Amino acid sequence: MQNIKKNTQKSFLVAIECPKCAKQSEHSAARVNKKKTLICPFCNALFLPPETHSRPAVFSLKK
């Protein structure tokens, strides 16, 4: 029997613009949705995600 590694957790990235240097970098969608502090990889500034990205997507399966 062959062991197959299951990839149960997928990492989704969101592009966020740094308020200090204005460069875009990718951050974890889960971290952005939880309003966690982000760090810019270019200028090392700490910042909170903007309000427009802080709400998680809501999908409905009802017809």
C-alpha atoms as a PDB file:
ATOM      1  CA  MET A   1       0.000   0.000   0.000  1.00  0.00           C
ATOM      2  CA  GLN A   2       1.383   3.357  -1.011  1.00  0.00           C
ATOM      3  CA  ASN A   3       1.375   6.276   1.414  1.00  0.00           C
ATOM      4  CA  ILE A   4       0.018   9.419  -0.188  1.00  0.00           C
ATOM      5  CA  LYS A   5       0.542  12.748   1.511  1.00  0.00           C
ATOM      6  CA  LYS A   6      -2.740  14.631   1.761  1.00  0.00           C
ATOM      7  CA  ASN A   7      -2.619  18.357   1.234  1.00  0.00           C
ATOM      8  CA  THR A   8      -5.523  19.293   3.485  1.00  0.00           C
ATOM      9  CA  GLN A   9      -4.606  22.922   4.080  1.00  0.00           C
ATOM     10  CA  LYS A  10      -4.252  25.163   1.061  1.00  0.00           C
ATOM     11  CA  SER A  11      -2.505  28.485   1.317  1.00  0.00           C
ATOM     12  CA  PHE A  12      -4.309  31.343  -0.383  1.00  0.00           C
ATOM     13  CA  LEU A  13      -2.420  34.579  -0.904  1.00  0.00           C
ATOM     14  CA  VAL A  14      -3.737  38.119  -1.205  1.00  0.00           C
ATOM     15  CA  ALA A  15      -1.779  41.016  -2.729  1.00  0.00           C
ATOM     16  CA  ILE A  16      -1.684  43.964  -0.301  1.00  0.00           C
ATOM     17  CA  GLU A  17      -0.057  47.341  -0.901  1.00  0.00           C
ATOM     18  CA  CYS A  18       2.259  48.682   1.798  1.00  0.00           C
ATOM     19  CA  PRO A  19       1.095  52.098   3.065  1.00  0.00           C
ATOM     20  CA  LYS A  20       4.700  53.232   3.565  1.00  0.00           C
ATOM     21  CA  CYS A  21       6.540  52.237   0.358  1.00  0.00           C
ATOM     22  CA  ALA A  22       3.481  51.526  -1.870  1.00  0.00           C
ATOM     23  CA  LYS A  23       4.890  48.194  -3.119  1.00  0.00           C
ATOM     24  CA  GLN A  24       2.593  45.180  -3.351  1.00  0.00           C
ATOM     25  CA  SER A  25       3.389  41.933  -1.574  1.00  0.00           C
ATOM     26  CA  GLU A  26       1.472  38.713  -1.031  1.00  0.00           C
ATOM     27  CA  HIS A  27       0.168  37.797   2.415  1.00  0.00           C
ATOM     28  CA  SER A  28      -1.885  34.896   3.726  1.00  0.00           C
ATOM     29  CA  ALA A  29      -5.630  35.422   3.231  1.00  0.00           C
ATOM     30  CA  ALA A  30      -6.327  33.926   6.661  1.00  0.00           C
ATOM     31  CA  ARG A  31      -3.975  36.438   8.291  1.00  0.00           C
ATOM     32  CA  VAL A  32      -5.567  39.321   6.381  1.00  0.00           C
ATOM     33  CA  ASN A  33      -9.116  38.183   7.264  1.00  0.00           C
ATOM     34  CA  LYS A  34      -8.215  37.998  10.960  1.00  0.00           C
ATOM     35  CA  LYS A  35      -6.827  41.588  10.836  1.00  0.00           C
ATOM     36  CA  LYS A  36      -3.370  40.473  11.969  1.00  0.00           C
ATOM     37  CA  THR A  37      -0.345  42.740  11.700  1.00  0.00           C
ATOM     38  CA  LEU A  38       1.458  42.387   8.362  1.00  0.00           C
ATOM     39  CA  ILE A  39       5.097  43.141   7.581  1.00  0.00           C
ATOM     40  CA  CYS A  40       6.323  44.579   4.294  1.00  0.00           C
ATOM     41  CA  PRO A  41       9.190  42.451   2.867  1.00  0.00           C
ATOM     42  CA  PHE A  42      10.639  45.512   1.114  1.00  0.00           C
ATOM     43  CA  CYS A  43      10.787  48.213   3.839  1.00  0.00           C
ATOM     44  CA  ASN A  44      10.059  46.055   6.951  1.00  0.00           C
ATOM     45  CA  ALA A  45       7.159  48.298   7.994  1.00  0.00           C
ATOM     46  CA  LEU A  46       4.433  46.840  10.215  1.00  0.00           C
ATOM     47  CA  PHE A  47       0.855  47.641   9.213  1.00  0.00           C
ATOM     48  CA  LEU A  48      -2.713  46.394   9.498  1.00  0.00           C
ATOM     49  CA  PRO A  49      -4.575  45.232   6.400  1.00  0.00           C
ATOM     50  CA  PRO A  50      -7.009  47.725   4.855  1.00  0.00           C
ATOM     51  CA  GLU A  51     -10.721  47.396   5.681  1.00  0.00           C
ATOM     52  CA  THR A  52     -11.618  46.390   2.099  1.00  0.00           C
ATOM     53  CA  HIS A  53      -9.671  43.114   2.460  1.00  0.00           C
ATOM     54  CA  SER A  54     -10.640  42.329   6.028  1.00  0.00           C
ATOM     55  CA  ARG A  55     -14.019  40.674   5.315  1.00  0.00           C
ATOM     56  CA  PRO A  56     -13.922  37.027   4.239  1.00  0.00           C
ATOM     57  CA  ALA A  57     -15.804  35.936   1.165  1.00  0.00           C
ATOM     58  CA  VAL A  58     -19.236  34.448   1.892  1.00  0.00           C
ATOM     59  CA  PHE A  59     -20.605  31.811  -0.443  1.00  0.00           C
ATOM     60  CA  SER A  60     -24.066  30.328  -0.364  1.00  0.00           C
ATOM     61  CA  LEU A  61     -24.973  26.928  -1.748  1.00  0.00           C
ATOM     62  CA  LYS A  62     -28.726  27.532  -1.570  1.00  0.00           C
ATOM     63  CA  LYS A  63     -30.639  27.590  -4.828  1.00  0.00           C
END
